[in-house]
Every structure is written in C-alpha cells, then in structure tokens.
Amino acid sequence: MAAKDETSAGSVWLRPQRSRGGRPTLTTQQIVPAAIEILDTDGVEGLSMRTLAAKLGAGTASLYWHVANKDELLELALDDVQGEIAIPAVGEVGWRAAVGALAAGIRDIALRHPWMIGLAGVKPPIGPKAMRLNDVAAGMLAAAGFSGAAVSRISALLSAYAMGAAAAENSCRQGAAQPGQAAGQMRASIEAHWRSVAEQYPNLAHWRSENPSATFDQDTFLFGLDRILDGIAVWRDRAPG
C-alpha cells in the first residue's frame, strides 16, 4: 500500500479537494519547507513520507491529511521554490533587465535546489507560484513587443539556458567533491595531467594559458545571457511584422 501511495500518478493541483474529518496536526506551511530541506540535502531519492514524518516528529497520517503521496510532495516543493525568484517591474528597469533577472533567478534556484532540475518539465507548472512566474514572464515579453509563439519560444530558450547552466555548475561542484579527495587535490591532479599532455593539444594549451581559471560560474552565465538577449533584440527588430 505504501509503495503505491509513493508513486501514484496525477497532480496535487488537479485533484478535487478531499473532505477530511478531524483537525490536522501539521500544516502545509510546515510540511513543504521540511520536504525542501530533505530534498536539498538528500535529493529526490532521500525524500519519503516516512523520512519527512520523522523530521517533523509526526506520524505519516498527519502528512496524508494534506498529500496523497510523494509525487504530490514534489509538486508542492517545486512550486514553492519558484516563489523565491524576485523579478523587477519591467516598467522600472526595461524589458531586457527584467528578462535577464528572470533567467538569473531560475539559475539561482536551480543552484540552491539541484533536485528541481530533474523535475522541471515532468511536473506540470500549474501551481500558484509557477503560474504567477509564467504570468509575469508573459507580461514582460509582451511589453518588449513579442507575442504568440515568440513568447513561449523565448521563455523556453531562457529557461533551458538557465537550467542547463545550473546543471553544469552543479556537476562541476560534484566533480570537485570526490569522496576522500579535497577539491584542491582534484584541481592539482587535473592540472598535472594537463601539463603532461599539453603538447598533444596545442590549441587547448594556448587557450588554457590565457584562461587558467576558466570554469562554469556566474560570469560565464552572464556572458551567455547577454549574448542571448543581444540575439533576441536583433531578431525582434528585424522580424517581419
């Protein structure tokens, strides 16, 4: 029975409100932040109704009063972290700065909550915070002069870039944190290997001599984001109609 509850399909936002007797001992305002803490530490595999109940010092029945299964927990958590993105008003900063802030905000939450990357696109973005975010994004792109399919395509482009950048940064962090080896040791080992094979790869050796600390970081992300926004602006100004 528990295994079925943990994996059943559906959406917490689509199911009818269930009538329950009695009064719950927990609230969603307690449950969701605790679930996010587990997800941030242990990932999706580390979250279960039992581990969450233990963290809250409650029985699993207290959780089932609010959610039917783990999938619903994940939907609630995914929607909640999207509320962390702060976007300036497009009328105050202009469309480019507002759109850039949106993309940067997506990257930031994906860095803080790496587990959400694997859920984006799998869980429907129909929670209240996700809907608000999408509504703001559509409004700022409309203010920039975009409409129709262009709005969804630009949104998808920016989201894919921000999530991809965060995934790359998270992978680099994980690679630098190999068990039993400090990050400094890993970098030293890689550098020693590079020096030993540099003559075989002259173009890479020259590039590395000019960029000794090249890595995925915020500056790299912002450089790419600026180029994307450059391209969007040029395309908008020359597109027919």
C-alpha atoms as a PDB file:
ATOM      1  CA  MET A   1       0.000   0.000   0.000  1.00  0.00           C
ATOM      2  CA  ALA A   2       2.776   2.476   0.939  1.00  0.00           C
ATOM      3  CA  ALA A   3       4.668   1.811  -2.284  1.00  0.00           C
ATOM      4  CA  LYS A   4       1.568   2.541  -4.342  1.00  0.00           C
ATOM      5  CA  ASP A   5       0.935   5.790  -2.467  1.00  0.00           C
ATOM      6  CA  GLU A   6       4.538   6.927  -3.010  1.00  0.00           C
ATOM      7  CA  THR A   7       4.410   6.581  -6.797  1.00  0.00           C
ATOM      8  CA  SER A   8       0.802   7.094  -7.912  1.00  0.00           C
ATOM      9  CA  ALA A   9       0.214   9.438 -10.810  1.00  0.00           C
ATOM     10  CA  GLY A  10      -1.786  12.631 -11.012  1.00  0.00           C
ATOM     11  CA  SER A  11      -1.332  16.211  -9.861  1.00  0.00           C
ATOM     12  CA  VAL A  12      -1.964  17.776  -6.496  1.00  0.00           C
ATOM     13  CA  TRP A  13      -3.306  20.830  -8.321  1.00  0.00           C
ATOM     14  CA  LEU A  14      -5.869  18.854 -10.329  1.00  0.00           C
ATOM     15  CA  ARG A  15      -7.391  16.516  -7.792  1.00  0.00           C
ATOM     16  CA  PRO A  16     -10.608  17.590  -6.045  1.00  0.00           C
ATOM     17  CA  GLN A  17     -10.279  18.879  -2.515  1.00  0.00           C
ATOM     18  CA  ARG A  18     -10.666  15.910  -0.245  1.00  0.00           C
ATOM     19  CA  SER A  19     -13.013  16.099   2.711  1.00  0.00           C
ATOM     20  CA  ARG A  20     -11.346  15.035   5.930  1.00  0.00           C
ATOM     21  CA  GLY A  21     -12.656  14.571   9.409  1.00  0.00           C
ATOM     22  CA  GLY A  22     -10.921  15.982  12.445  1.00  0.00           C
ATOM     23  CA  ARG A  23      -8.184  18.590  12.508  1.00  0.00           C
ATOM     24  CA  PRO A  24      -4.654  18.107  11.102  1.00  0.00           C
ATOM     25  CA  THR A  25      -1.701  18.324  13.484  1.00  0.00           C
ATOM     26  CA  LEU A  26       0.524  19.766  10.720  1.00  0.00           C
ATOM     27  CA  THR A  27       0.072  22.443   8.079  1.00  0.00           C
ATOM     28  CA  THR A  28       1.422  22.630   4.543  1.00  0.00           C
ATOM     29  CA  GLN A  29       3.463  25.619   5.720  1.00  0.00           C
ATOM     30  CA  GLN A  30       5.321  23.167   7.972  1.00  0.00           C
ATOM     31  CA  ILE A  31       5.393  20.222   5.601  1.00  0.00           C
ATOM     32  CA  VAL A  32       6.691  21.857   2.418  1.00  0.00           C
ATOM     33  CA  PRO A  33       9.767  23.649   3.884  1.00  0.00           C
ATOM     34  CA  ALA A  34      10.756  20.445   5.696  1.00  0.00           C
ATOM     35  CA  ALA A  35      10.426  18.475   2.460  1.00  0.00           C
ATOM     36  CA  ILE A  36      12.598  21.036   0.660  1.00  0.00           C
ATOM     37  CA  GLU A  37      15.286  20.712   3.344  1.00  0.00           C
ATOM     38  CA  ILE A  38      15.405  16.950   2.795  1.00  0.00           C
ATOM     39  CA  LEU A  39      15.478  17.385  -0.978  1.00  0.00           C
ATOM     40  CA  ASP A  40      18.325  19.921  -0.763  1.00  0.00           C
ATOM     41  CA  THR A  41      20.371  17.539   1.372  1.00  0.00           C
ATOM     42  CA  ASP A  42      19.471  14.090   0.087  1.00  0.00           C
ATOM     43  CA  GLY A  43      17.816  14.625  -3.293  1.00  0.00           C
ATOM     44  CA  VAL A  44      14.593  13.128  -4.579  1.00  0.00           C
ATOM     45  CA  GLU A  45      15.623   9.606  -3.582  1.00  0.00           C
ATOM     46  CA  GLY A  46      16.107  10.708   0.008  1.00  0.00           C
ATOM     47  CA  LEU A  47      12.578  12.048   0.375  1.00  0.00           C
ATOM     48  CA  SER A  48       9.803   9.751   1.509  1.00  0.00           C
ATOM     49  CA  MET A  49       6.704  10.147   3.598  1.00  0.00           C
ATOM     50  CA  ARG A  50       8.466   8.326   6.424  1.00  0.00           C
ATOM     51  CA  THR A  51      11.620  10.451   6.389  1.00  0.00           C
ATOM     52  CA  LEU A  52       9.545  13.615   6.250  1.00  0.00           C
ATOM     53  CA  ALA A  53       7.309  12.495   9.091  1.00  0.00           C
ATOM     54  CA  ALA A  54      10.377  11.640  11.181  1.00  0.00           C
ATOM     55  CA  LYS A  55      11.895  15.065  10.508  1.00  0.00           C
ATOM     56  CA  LEU A  56       8.677  16.732  11.633  1.00  0.00           C
ATOM     57  CA  GLY A  57       8.294  14.459  14.638  1.00  0.00           C
ATOM     58  CA  ALA A  58       4.865  13.350  13.473  1.00  0.00           C
ATOM     59  CA  GLY A  59       3.132  10.286  12.113  1.00  0.00           C
ATOM     60  CA  THR A  60       2.698   9.712   8.399  1.00  0.00           C
ATOM     61  CA  ALA A  61      -1.055  10.018   8.867  1.00  0.00           C
ATOM     62  CA  SER A  62      -0.509  13.729   9.551  1.00  0.00           C
ATOM     63  CA  LEU A  63       1.075  14.050   6.110  1.00  0.00           C
ATOM     64  CA  TYR A  64      -1.611  12.075   4.306  1.00  0.00           C
ATOM     65  CA  TRP A  65      -4.192  14.553   5.585  1.00  0.00           C
ATOM     66  CA  HIS A  66      -2.618  17.057   3.138  1.00  0.00           C
ATOM     67  CA  VAL A  67      -0.987  14.966   0.384  1.00  0.00           C
ATOM     68  CA  ALA A  68      -1.693  11.580  -1.101  1.00  0.00           C
ATOM     69  CA  ASN A  69       1.866  10.550  -1.958  1.00  0.00           C
ATOM     70  CA  LYS A  70       5.447  11.586  -2.620  1.00  0.00           C
ATOM     71  CA  ASP A  71       4.609  12.894  -6.091  1.00  0.00           C
ATOM     72  CA  GLU A  72       2.296  15.467  -4.557  1.00  0.00           C
ATOM     73  CA  LEU A  73       5.012  16.474  -2.105  1.00  0.00           C
ATOM     74  CA  LEU A  74       7.389  17.026  -5.003  1.00  0.00           C
ATOM     75  CA  GLU A  75       4.850  19.180  -6.814  1.00  0.00           C
ATOM     76  CA  LEU A  76       4.321  21.325  -3.741  1.00  0.00           C
ATOM     77  CA  ALA A  77       8.070  21.688  -3.193  1.00  0.00           C
ATOM     78  CA  LEU A  78       8.753  22.510  -6.848  1.00  0.00           C
ATOM     79  CA  ASP A  79       6.092  25.188  -6.879  1.00  0.00           C
ATOM     80  CA  ASP A  80       7.282  26.649  -3.581  1.00  0.00           C
ATOM     81  CA  VAL A  81      10.899  27.222  -4.642  1.00  0.00           C
ATOM     82  CA  GLN A  82       9.726  29.090  -7.723  1.00  0.00           C
ATOM     83  CA  GLY A  83       8.347  31.690  -5.372  1.00  0.00           C
ATOM     84  CA  GLU A  84      11.955  32.567  -4.440  1.00  0.00           C
ATOM     85  CA  ILE A  85      12.518  34.318  -7.766  1.00  0.00           C
ATOM     86  CA  ALA A  86      12.291  38.097  -7.463  1.00  0.00           C
ATOM     87  CA  ILE A  87      11.748  39.978 -10.722  1.00  0.00           C
ATOM     88  CA  PRO A  88      11.868  43.766 -11.050  1.00  0.00           C
ATOM     89  CA  ALA A  89       8.953  45.537 -12.705  1.00  0.00           C
ATOM     90  CA  VAL A  90       9.551  45.809 -16.437  1.00  0.00           C
ATOM     91  CA  GLY A  91       8.259  49.389 -16.382  1.00  0.00           C
ATOM     92  CA  GLU A  92      11.015  50.358 -13.953  1.00  0.00           C
ATOM     93  CA  VAL A  93      14.065  48.637 -15.434  1.00  0.00           C
ATOM     94  CA  GLY A  94      13.139  47.842 -19.037  1.00  0.00           C
ATOM     95  CA  TRP A  95      12.392  44.531 -20.681  1.00  0.00           C
ATOM     96  CA  ARG A  96      15.998  43.402 -21.085  1.00  0.00           C
ATOM     97  CA  ALA A  97      16.923  43.829 -17.414  1.00  0.00           C
ATOM     98  CA  ALA A  98      13.649  42.220 -16.322  1.00  0.00           C
ATOM     99  CA  VAL A  99      14.068  39.217 -18.620  1.00  0.00           C
ATOM    100  CA  GLY A 100      17.692  38.887 -17.532  1.00  0.00           C
ATOM    101  CA  ALA A 101      16.626  38.913 -13.885  1.00  0.00           C
ATOM    102  CA  LEU A 102      14.118  36.148 -14.613  1.00  0.00           C
ATOM    103  CA  ALA A 103      16.768  33.931 -16.224  1.00  0.00           C
ATOM    104  CA  ALA A 104      19.230  34.652 -13.415  1.00  0.00           C
ATOM    105  CA  GLY A 105      16.554  33.825 -10.863  1.00  0.00           C
ATOM    106  CA  ILE A 106      15.898  30.456 -12.490  1.00  0.00           C
ATOM    107  CA  ARG A 107      19.613  29.673 -12.372  1.00  0.00           C
ATOM    108  CA  ASP A 108      19.842  30.725  -8.742  1.00  0.00           C
ATOM    109  CA  ILE A 109      17.040  28.477  -7.513  1.00  0.00           C
ATOM    110  CA  ALA A 110      18.385  25.555  -9.558  1.00  0.00           C
ATOM    111  CA  LEU A 111      21.762  26.028  -7.856  1.00  0.00           C
ATOM    112  CA  ARG A 112      20.173  26.175  -4.408  1.00  0.00           C
ATOM    113  CA  HIS A 113      17.821  23.278  -5.140  1.00  0.00           C
ATOM    114  CA  PRO A 114      19.555  20.962  -7.680  1.00  0.00           C
ATOM    115  CA  TRP A 115      16.803  18.362  -7.388  1.00  0.00           C
ATOM    116  CA  MET A 116      14.363  20.646  -9.200  1.00  0.00           C
ATOM    117  CA  ILE A 117      16.269  20.346 -12.477  1.00  0.00           C
ATOM    118  CA  GLY A 118      15.128  16.775 -12.931  1.00  0.00           C
ATOM    119  CA  LEU A 119      11.518  17.679 -12.166  1.00  0.00           C
ATOM    120  CA  ALA A 120      11.178  20.686 -14.468  1.00  0.00           C
ATOM    121  CA  GLY A 121       9.015  19.689 -17.408  1.00  0.00           C
ATOM    122  CA  VAL A 122       7.972  16.475 -15.674  1.00  0.00           C
ATOM    123  CA  LYS A 123       5.704  18.103 -13.132  1.00  0.00           C
ATOM    124  CA  PRO A 124       3.088  20.433 -14.662  1.00  0.00           C
ATOM    125  CA  PRO A 125       3.823  24.108 -13.875  1.00  0.00           C
ATOM    126  CA  ILE A 126       0.294  24.815 -12.704  1.00  0.00           C
ATOM    127  CA  GLY A 127       0.848  25.628  -9.049  1.00  0.00           C
ATOM    128  CA  PRO A 128       0.088  29.204  -7.920  1.00  0.00           C
ATOM    129  CA  LYS A 129       3.717  30.338  -7.708  1.00  0.00           C
ATOM    130  CA  ALA A 130       4.663  28.802 -11.049  1.00  0.00           C
ATOM    131  CA  MET A 131       1.590  30.334 -12.680  1.00  0.00           C
ATOM    132  CA  ARG A 132       2.441  33.735 -11.233  1.00  0.00           C
ATOM    133  CA  LEU A 133       6.004  33.440 -12.545  1.00  0.00           C
ATOM    134  CA  ASN A 134       4.795  32.477 -16.013  1.00  0.00           C
ATOM    135  CA  ASP A 135       2.249  35.282 -15.961  1.00  0.00           C
ATOM    136  CA  VAL A 136       4.953  37.833 -15.119  1.00  0.00           C
ATOM    137  CA  ALA A 137       7.220  36.410 -17.832  1.00  0.00           C
ATOM    138  CA  ALA A 138       4.471  36.628 -20.453  1.00  0.00           C
ATOM    139  CA  GLY A 139       3.757  40.198 -19.419  1.00  0.00           C
ATOM    140  CA  MET A 140       7.350  41.363 -19.648  1.00  0.00           C
ATOM    141  CA  LEU A 141       7.828  39.745 -23.062  1.00  0.00           C
ATOM    142  CA  ALA A 142       4.600  41.320 -24.281  1.00  0.00           C
ATOM    143  CA  ALA A 143       5.924  44.683 -23.051  1.00  0.00           C
ATOM    144  CA  ALA A 144       9.060  44.037 -25.123  1.00  0.00           C
ATOM    145  CA  GLY A 145       6.932  43.673 -28.245  1.00  0.00           C
ATOM    146  CA  PHE A 146       6.716  39.881 -28.506  1.00  0.00           C
ATOM    147  CA  SER A 147       3.512  37.920 -28.998  1.00  0.00           C
ATOM    148  CA  GLY A 148       2.187  34.499 -29.906  1.00  0.00           C
ATOM    149  CA  ALA A 149       4.663  31.672 -30.361  1.00  0.00           C
ATOM    150  CA  ALA A 150       7.610  34.036 -29.812  1.00  0.00           C
ATOM    151  CA  VAL A 151       6.687  34.373 -26.143  1.00  0.00           C
ATOM    152  CA  SER A 152       6.737  30.624 -25.492  1.00  0.00           C
ATOM    153  CA  ARG A 153       9.887  30.088 -27.561  1.00  0.00           C
ATOM    154  CA  ILE A 154      11.832  32.861 -25.839  1.00  0.00           C
ATOM    155  CA  SER A 155      10.649  31.623 -22.439  1.00  0.00           C
ATOM    156  CA  ALA A 156      11.755  28.089 -23.300  1.00  0.00           C
ATOM    157  CA  LEU A 157      15.121  29.349 -24.568  1.00  0.00           C
ATOM    158  CA  LEU A 158      15.869  31.328 -21.423  1.00  0.00           C
ATOM    159  CA  SER A 159      14.659  28.585 -19.096  1.00  0.00           C
ATOM    160  CA  ALA A 160      16.690  25.915 -20.900  1.00  0.00           C
ATOM    161  CA  TYR A 161      19.814  28.084 -20.800  1.00  0.00           C
ATOM    162  CA  ALA A 162      19.434  28.931 -17.109  1.00  0.00           C
ATOM    163  CA  MET A 163      18.697  25.344 -16.076  1.00  0.00           C
ATOM    164  CA  GLY A 164      21.484  23.988 -18.267  1.00  0.00           C
ATOM    165  CA  ALA A 165      23.993  26.432 -16.798  1.00  0.00           C
ATOM    166  CA  ALA A 166      22.948  25.463 -13.281  1.00  0.00           C
ATOM    167  CA  ALA A 167      23.212  21.759 -14.113  1.00  0.00           C
ATOM    168  CA  ALA A 168      26.742  22.281 -15.465  1.00  0.00           C
ATOM    169  CA  GLU A 169      27.775  24.243 -12.369  1.00  0.00           C
ATOM    170  CA  ASN A 170      26.298  21.620 -10.066  1.00  0.00           C
ATOM    171  CA  SER A 171      28.139  18.881 -11.956  1.00  0.00           C
ATOM    172  CA  CYS A 172      31.427  20.749 -11.594  1.00  0.00           C
ATOM    173  CA  ARG A 173      30.836  21.112  -7.872  1.00  0.00           C
ATOM    174  CA  GLN A 174      30.094  17.428  -7.505  1.00  0.00           C
ATOM    175  CA  GLY A 175      33.159  16.507  -9.548  1.00  0.00           C
ATOM    176  CA  ALA A 176      35.352  18.671  -7.338  1.00  0.00           C
ATOM    177  CA  ALA A 177      33.978  16.992  -4.239  1.00  0.00           C
ATOM    178  CA  GLN A 178      35.016  13.392  -4.891  1.00  0.00           C
ATOM    179  CA  PRO A 179      34.884  11.188  -1.769  1.00  0.00           C
ATOM    180  CA  GLY A 180      38.227  11.067   0.014  1.00  0.00           C
ATOM    181  CA  GLN A 181      39.762  13.855  -2.062  1.00  0.00           C
ATOM    182  CA  ALA A 182      39.633  17.575  -1.354  1.00  0.00           C
ATOM    183  CA  ALA A 183      38.675  19.974  -4.132  1.00  0.00           C
ATOM    184  CA  GLY A 184      42.206  21.420  -4.144  1.00  0.00           C
ATOM    185  CA  GLN A 185      43.697  17.970  -4.610  1.00  0.00           C
ATOM    186  CA  MET A 186      41.388  17.263  -7.522  1.00  0.00           C
ATOM    187  CA  ARG A 187      42.329  20.535  -9.237  1.00  0.00           C
ATOM    188  CA  ALA A 188      46.027  19.825  -8.690  1.00  0.00           C
ATOM    189  CA  SER A 189      45.695  16.351 -10.190  1.00  0.00           C
ATOM    190  CA  ILE A 190      43.857  17.691 -13.236  1.00  0.00           C
ATOM    191  CA  GLU A 191      46.429  20.442 -13.747  1.00  0.00           C
ATOM    192  CA  ALA A 192      49.289  17.927 -13.570  1.00  0.00           C
ATOM    193  CA  HIS A 193      47.544  15.790 -16.176  1.00  0.00           C
ATOM    194  CA  TRP A 194      47.048  18.818 -18.446  1.00  0.00           C
ATOM    195  CA  ARG A 195      50.723  19.694 -18.287  1.00  0.00           C
ATOM    196  CA  SER A 196      51.708  16.140 -19.144  1.00  0.00           C
ATOM    197  CA  VAL A 197      49.618  16.078 -22.341  1.00  0.00           C
ATOM    198  CA  ALA A 198      49.718  19.758 -23.356  1.00  0.00           C
ATOM    199  CA  GLU A 199      51.965  19.198 -26.387  1.00  0.00           C
ATOM    200  CA  GLN A 200      49.384  16.870 -27.921  1.00  0.00           C
ATOM    201  CA  TYR A 201      46.704  19.582 -27.812  1.00  0.00           C
ATOM    202  CA  PRO A 202      48.355  22.872 -28.810  1.00  0.00           C
ATOM    203  CA  ASN A 203      45.119  24.805 -29.294  1.00  0.00           C
ATOM    204  CA  LEU A 204      43.783  23.810 -25.907  1.00  0.00           C
ATOM    205  CA  ALA A 205      47.173  24.505 -24.322  1.00  0.00           C
ATOM    206  CA  HIS A 206      47.198  28.021 -25.765  1.00  0.00           C
ATOM    207  CA  TRP A 207      43.632  28.645 -24.627  1.00  0.00           C
ATOM    208  CA  ARG A 208      44.401  27.400 -21.117  1.00  0.00           C
ATOM    209  CA  SER A 209      47.436  29.661 -20.913  1.00  0.00           C
ATOM    210  CA  GLU A 210      45.098  32.602 -21.474  1.00  0.00           C
ATOM    211  CA  ASN A 211      42.300  31.253 -19.278  1.00  0.00           C
ATOM    212  CA  PRO A 212      43.899  29.375 -16.385  1.00  0.00           C
ATOM    213  CA  SER A 213      40.794  29.534 -14.192  1.00  0.00           C
ATOM    214  CA  ALA A 214      38.092  29.060 -16.815  1.00  0.00           C
ATOM    215  CA  THR A 215      35.079  27.334 -15.312  1.00  0.00           C
ATOM    216  CA  PHE A 216      31.299  27.426 -15.125  1.00  0.00           C
ATOM    217  CA  ASP A 217      30.461  30.364 -12.886  1.00  0.00           C
ATOM    218  CA  GLN A 218      28.241  33.408 -12.664  1.00  0.00           C
ATOM    219  CA  ASP A 219      30.404  35.475 -15.017  1.00  0.00           C
ATOM    220  CA  THR A 220      30.209  32.741 -17.642  1.00  0.00           C
ATOM    221  CA  PHE A 221      26.453  32.554 -17.221  1.00  0.00           C
ATOM    222  CA  LEU A 222      26.001  36.321 -17.506  1.00  0.00           C
ATOM    223  CA  PHE A 223      28.183  36.451 -20.624  1.00  0.00           C
ATOM    224  CA  GLY A 224      25.986  33.857 -22.332  1.00  0.00           C
ATOM    225  CA  LEU A 225      22.808  35.518 -21.102  1.00  0.00           C
ATOM    226  CA  ASP A 226      23.881  38.863 -22.561  1.00  0.00           C
ATOM    227  CA  ARG A 227      24.581  37.234 -25.929  1.00  0.00           C
ATOM    228  CA  ILE A 228      21.163  35.565 -25.915  1.00  0.00           C
ATOM    229  CA  LEU A 229      19.458  38.862 -25.105  1.00  0.00           C
ATOM    230  CA  ASP A 230      21.508  40.555 -27.851  1.00  0.00           C
ATOM    231  CA  GLY A 231      20.232  37.995 -30.341  1.00  0.00           C
ATOM    232  CA  ILE A 232      16.628  38.282 -29.167  1.00  0.00           C
ATOM    233  CA  ALA A 233      16.755  42.072 -29.504  1.00  0.00           C
ATOM    234  CA  VAL A 234      18.222  41.908 -33.009  1.00  0.00           C
ATOM    235  CA  TRP A 235      15.690  39.287 -34.101  1.00  0.00           C
ATOM    236  CA  ARG A 236      12.804  41.331 -32.733  1.00  0.00           C
ATOM    237  CA  ASP A 237      13.876  44.459 -34.555  1.00  0.00           C
ATOM    238  CA  ARG A 238      14.255  42.774 -37.914  1.00  0.00           C
ATOM    239  CA  ALA A 239      11.445  40.208 -37.785  1.00  0.00           C
ATOM    240  CA  PRO A 240       8.589  40.866 -40.242  1.00  0.00           C
ATOM    241  CA  GLY A 241       5.647  42.467 -38.506  1.00  0.00           C
END
